[in-house]
């Protein structure tokens, strides 16, 4: 679902930046005019900025919280008491 919705959203962004005037391709060659192709570098910069912003937002939301000291000490003691050391 994430891949499909991502393609659905980013396709609209690409179309808006790449072909803002909704120019149709040539019916004989099925190619767009050069003015649409000239927007490709701008499209890459816009997408890079959007991906960077989303990556930073995702990174900021995944910072782990430190456990309380008492809880960590209790877990550490349980791990060392029940650990099996191979001989």
N, C-alpha and C. Protein backbone atom coordinates (compact mmCIF):
# COMPACT_ATOMS: atom_id res chain seq x y z
N UNK A 1 0.82 -1.19 0.00
CA UNK A 1 0.00 0.00 0.00
C UNK A 1 0.87 1.25 0.00
N UNK A 2 1.98 1.21 0.72
CA UNK A 2 2.86 2.37 0.77
C UNK A 2 3.48 2.68 -0.58
N UNK A 3 3.88 1.65 -1.30
CA UNK A 3 4.48 1.89 -2.62
C UNK A 3 3.44 2.42 -3.60
N UNK A 4 2.24 1.89 -3.56
CA UNK A 4 1.20 2.34 -4.48
C UNK A 4 0.76 3.76 -4.19
N UNK A 5 0.57 4.09 -2.91
CA UNK A 5 0.15 5.45 -2.56
C UNK A 5 1.28 6.44 -2.80
N UNK A 6 2.53 6.02 -2.60
CA UNK A 6 3.66 6.90 -2.88
C UNK A 6 3.75 7.23 -4.35
N UNK A 7 3.54 6.23 -5.20
CA UNK A 7 3.56 6.47 -6.64
C UNK A 7 2.39 7.37 -7.05
N UNK A 8 1.25 7.19 -6.43
CA UNK A 8 0.08 8.01 -6.75
C UNK A 8 0.32 9.47 -6.39
N UNK A 9 0.92 9.72 -5.24
CA UNK A 9 1.17 11.09 -4.79
C UNK A 9 2.30 11.73 -5.59
N UNK A 10 3.42 11.02 -5.72
CA UNK A 10 4.58 11.62 -6.38
C UNK A 10 4.38 11.76 -7.89
N UNK A 11 3.52 10.95 -8.48
CA UNK A 11 3.21 11.12 -9.89
C UNK A 11 2.54 12.48 -10.12
N UNK A 12 1.68 12.89 -9.21
CA UNK A 12 1.01 14.18 -9.34
C UNK A 12 2.01 15.34 -9.18
N UNK A 13 2.97 15.18 -8.28
CA UNK A 13 4.00 16.21 -8.09
C UNK A 13 4.86 16.32 -9.35
N UNK A 14 5.26 15.17 -9.90
CA UNK A 14 6.09 15.17 -11.10
C UNK A 14 5.35 15.82 -12.26
N UNK A 15 4.09 15.47 -12.44
CA UNK A 15 3.32 16.06 -13.53
C UNK A 15 3.17 17.57 -13.37
N UNK A 16 2.94 18.03 -12.14
CA UNK A 16 2.76 19.46 -11.91
C UNK A 16 4.03 20.25 -12.18
N UNK A 17 5.18 19.68 -11.86
CA UNK A 17 6.44 20.40 -12.06
C UNK A 17 6.94 20.23 -13.49
N UNK A 18 6.83 19.03 -14.02
CA UNK A 18 7.39 18.74 -15.34
C UNK A 18 6.56 19.35 -16.47
N UNK A 19 5.25 19.30 -16.36
CA UNK A 19 4.38 19.76 -17.43
C UNK A 19 3.27 20.64 -16.83
N UNK A 20 3.62 21.84 -16.35
CA UNK A 20 2.62 22.66 -15.66
C UNK A 20 1.50 23.17 -16.57
N UNK A 21 1.77 23.28 -17.87
CA UNK A 21 0.76 23.79 -18.80
C UNK A 21 -0.05 22.67 -19.46
N UNK A 22 0.17 21.44 -19.03
CA UNK A 22 -0.54 20.27 -19.55
C UNK A 22 -0.44 20.19 -21.08
N UNK A 23 0.76 20.30 -21.59
CA UNK A 23 1.02 20.22 -23.03
C UNK A 23 0.90 18.76 -23.46
N UNK A 24 0.19 18.53 -24.53
CA UNK A 24 -0.01 17.17 -25.05
C UNK A 24 1.17 16.78 -25.94
N UNK A 25 1.49 15.47 -26.01
CA UNK A 25 2.57 15.03 -26.90
C UNK A 25 2.16 15.12 -28.37
N UNK A 26 3.14 15.11 -29.23
CA UNK A 26 2.90 15.11 -30.67
C UNK A 26 2.22 13.80 -31.04
N UNK A 27 1.06 13.85 -31.72
CA UNK A 27 0.34 12.59 -32.02
C UNK A 27 1.10 11.66 -32.96
N UNK A 28 1.99 12.19 -33.79
CA UNK A 28 2.73 11.34 -34.74
C UNK A 28 3.92 10.65 -34.08
N UNK A 29 4.68 11.40 -33.27
CA UNK A 29 5.90 10.84 -32.66
C UNK A 29 5.69 10.41 -31.22
N UNK A 30 4.60 10.83 -30.60
CA UNK A 30 4.31 10.54 -29.19
C UNK A 30 5.37 11.12 -28.25
N UNK A 31 6.03 12.18 -28.68
CA UNK A 31 7.04 12.86 -27.87
C UNK A 31 6.54 14.23 -27.44
N UNK A 32 6.99 14.65 -26.26
CA UNK A 32 6.64 15.98 -25.77
C UNK A 32 7.60 17.00 -26.35
N UNK A 33 7.19 18.28 -26.41
CA UNK A 33 8.09 19.32 -26.90
C UNK A 33 9.28 19.54 -25.95
N UNK A 34 10.27 20.25 -26.43
CA UNK A 34 11.50 20.48 -25.65
C UNK A 34 11.24 21.26 -24.38
N UNK A 35 10.22 22.13 -24.34
CA UNK A 35 9.98 22.92 -23.13
C UNK A 35 9.56 22.04 -21.95
N UNK A 36 8.97 20.90 -22.21
CA UNK A 36 8.65 19.96 -21.13
C UNK A 36 9.93 19.28 -20.65
N UNK A 37 10.79 18.89 -21.57
CA UNK A 37 12.05 18.24 -21.21
C UNK A 37 12.97 19.18 -20.44
N UNK A 38 12.86 20.47 -20.68
CA UNK A 38 13.71 21.44 -19.97
C UNK A 38 13.36 21.51 -18.47
N UNK A 39 12.21 21.02 -18.08
CA UNK A 39 11.80 21.04 -16.67
C UNK A 39 12.32 19.83 -15.89
N UNK A 40 13.01 18.91 -16.54
CA UNK A 40 13.49 17.71 -15.85
C UNK A 40 14.46 18.01 -14.70
N UNK A 41 15.48 18.88 -14.86
CA UNK A 41 16.36 19.17 -13.72
C UNK A 41 15.62 19.80 -12.54
N UNK A 42 14.67 20.67 -12.82
CA UNK A 42 13.87 21.27 -11.75
C UNK A 42 13.05 20.20 -11.03
N UNK A 43 12.52 19.26 -11.78
CA UNK A 43 11.73 18.17 -11.19
C UNK A 43 12.59 17.34 -10.25
N UNK A 44 13.82 17.04 -10.67
CA UNK A 44 14.71 16.27 -9.80
C UNK A 44 15.02 17.03 -8.52
N UNK A 45 15.24 18.34 -8.62
CA UNK A 45 15.54 19.13 -7.42
C UNK A 45 14.35 19.18 -6.49
N UNK A 46 13.16 19.34 -7.03
CA UNK A 46 11.96 19.37 -6.19
C UNK A 46 11.75 18.03 -5.50
N UNK A 47 11.89 16.94 -6.24
CA UNK A 47 11.72 15.62 -5.64
C UNK A 47 12.80 15.34 -4.59
N UNK A 48 14.03 15.76 -4.86
CA UNK A 48 15.09 15.58 -3.87
C UNK A 48 14.77 16.34 -2.59
N UNK A 49 14.25 17.55 -2.71
CA UNK A 49 13.87 18.32 -1.53
C UNK A 49 12.73 17.68 -0.77
N UNK A 50 11.75 17.14 -1.48
CA UNK A 50 10.62 16.48 -0.82
C UNK A 50 11.09 15.22 -0.11
N UNK A 51 11.91 14.40 -0.80
CA UNK A 51 12.43 13.18 -0.17
C UNK A 51 13.32 13.50 1.03
N UNK A 52 14.12 14.54 0.93
CA UNK A 52 14.96 14.93 2.06
C UNK A 52 14.10 15.35 3.25
N UNK A 53 13.08 16.15 2.99
CA UNK A 53 12.20 16.60 4.07
C UNK A 53 11.49 15.41 4.72
N UNK A 54 11.01 14.48 3.91
CA UNK A 54 10.33 13.31 4.47
C UNK A 54 11.30 12.42 5.23
N UNK A 55 12.52 12.29 4.74
CA UNK A 55 13.52 11.50 5.45
C UNK A 55 13.90 12.11 6.79
N UNK A 56 14.06 13.43 6.81
CA UNK A 56 14.38 14.10 8.08
C UNK A 56 13.22 14.00 9.06
N UNK A 57 12.01 14.14 8.56
CA UNK A 57 10.84 14.00 9.43
C UNK A 57 10.75 12.59 9.99
N UNK A 58 10.96 11.59 9.14
CA UNK A 58 10.93 10.21 9.60
C UNK A 58 12.03 9.91 10.60
N UNK A 59 13.22 10.47 10.39
CA UNK A 59 14.32 10.28 11.32
C UNK A 59 14.02 10.94 12.66
N UNK A 60 13.44 12.12 12.62
CA UNK A 60 13.11 12.82 13.85
C UNK A 60 12.05 12.07 14.66
N UNK A 61 11.18 11.37 13.98
CA UNK A 61 10.11 10.65 14.68
C UNK A 61 10.55 9.29 15.21
N UNK A 62 11.72 8.81 14.82
CA UNK A 62 12.16 7.48 15.25
C UNK A 62 13.30 7.51 16.25
N UNK A 63 13.50 8.60 16.94
CA UNK A 63 14.55 8.67 17.96
C UNK A 63 14.09 7.85 19.17
N UNK A 64 14.87 6.85 19.57
CA UNK A 64 14.45 6.00 20.69
C UNK A 64 14.55 6.75 22.02
N UNK A 65 13.67 6.40 22.89
CA UNK A 65 13.70 6.98 24.24
C UNK A 65 14.55 6.09 25.14
N UNK A 66 15.28 6.70 26.04
CA UNK A 66 16.11 5.93 26.97
C UNK A 66 15.21 5.32 28.04
N UNK A 67 15.46 4.05 28.39
CA UNK A 67 14.64 3.43 29.44
C UNK A 67 14.99 4.02 30.80
N UNK A 68 14.07 3.88 31.72
CA UNK A 68 14.32 4.35 33.09
C UNK A 68 15.45 3.52 33.69
N UNK A 69 16.30 4.11 34.52
CA UNK A 69 17.46 3.38 35.07
C UNK A 69 17.06 2.13 35.83
N UNK A 70 16.01 2.17 36.62
CA UNK A 70 15.63 0.99 37.41
C UNK A 70 15.19 -0.15 36.50
N UNK A 71 14.43 0.17 35.49
CA UNK A 71 13.96 -0.85 34.56
C UNK A 71 15.13 -1.48 33.83
N UNK A 72 16.09 -0.68 33.40
CA UNK A 72 17.24 -1.20 32.68
C UNK A 72 18.08 -2.10 33.58
N UNK A 73 18.27 -1.72 34.84
CA UNK A 73 19.06 -2.53 35.75
C UNK A 73 18.37 -3.86 36.02
N UNK A 74 17.05 -3.83 36.16
CA UNK A 74 16.33 -5.08 36.39
C UNK A 74 16.45 -6.01 35.19
N UNK A 75 16.32 -5.45 33.98
CA UNK A 75 16.45 -6.28 32.78
C UNK A 75 17.87 -6.83 32.66
N UNK A 76 18.86 -6.02 32.96
CA UNK A 76 20.25 -6.46 32.87
C UNK A 76 20.52 -7.59 33.85
N UNK A 77 19.98 -7.50 35.05
CA UNK A 77 20.20 -8.57 36.03
C UNK A 77 19.49 -9.84 35.59
N UNK A 78 18.31 -9.75 34.99
CA UNK A 78 17.62 -10.93 34.51
C UNK A 78 18.39 -11.60 33.39
N UNK A 79 18.97 -10.80 32.51
CA UNK A 79 19.71 -11.37 31.38
C UNK A 79 20.96 -12.09 31.87
N UNK A 80 21.69 -11.52 32.82
CA UNK A 80 22.92 -12.15 33.29
C UNK A 80 22.63 -13.38 34.15
N UNK A 81 21.50 -13.41 34.86
CA UNK A 81 21.18 -14.57 35.70
C UNK A 81 20.76 -15.77 34.86
N UNK A 82 20.08 -15.53 33.74
CA UNK A 82 19.55 -16.64 32.96
C UNK A 82 20.37 -16.94 31.72
N UNK A 83 21.48 -16.25 31.53
CA UNK A 83 22.28 -16.48 30.33
C UNK A 83 23.01 -17.81 30.41
N UNK A 84 23.06 -18.50 29.28
CA UNK A 84 23.76 -19.76 29.21
C UNK A 84 25.06 -19.49 28.46
N UNK A 85 26.18 -19.76 29.11
CA UNK A 85 27.48 -19.54 28.49
C UNK A 85 28.00 -20.87 27.98
N UNK A 86 28.27 -20.95 26.68
CA UNK A 86 28.79 -22.23 26.14
C UNK A 86 30.21 -22.49 26.66
N UNK A 87 30.51 -23.75 26.92
CA UNK A 87 31.84 -24.10 27.43
C UNK A 87 32.65 -24.81 26.39
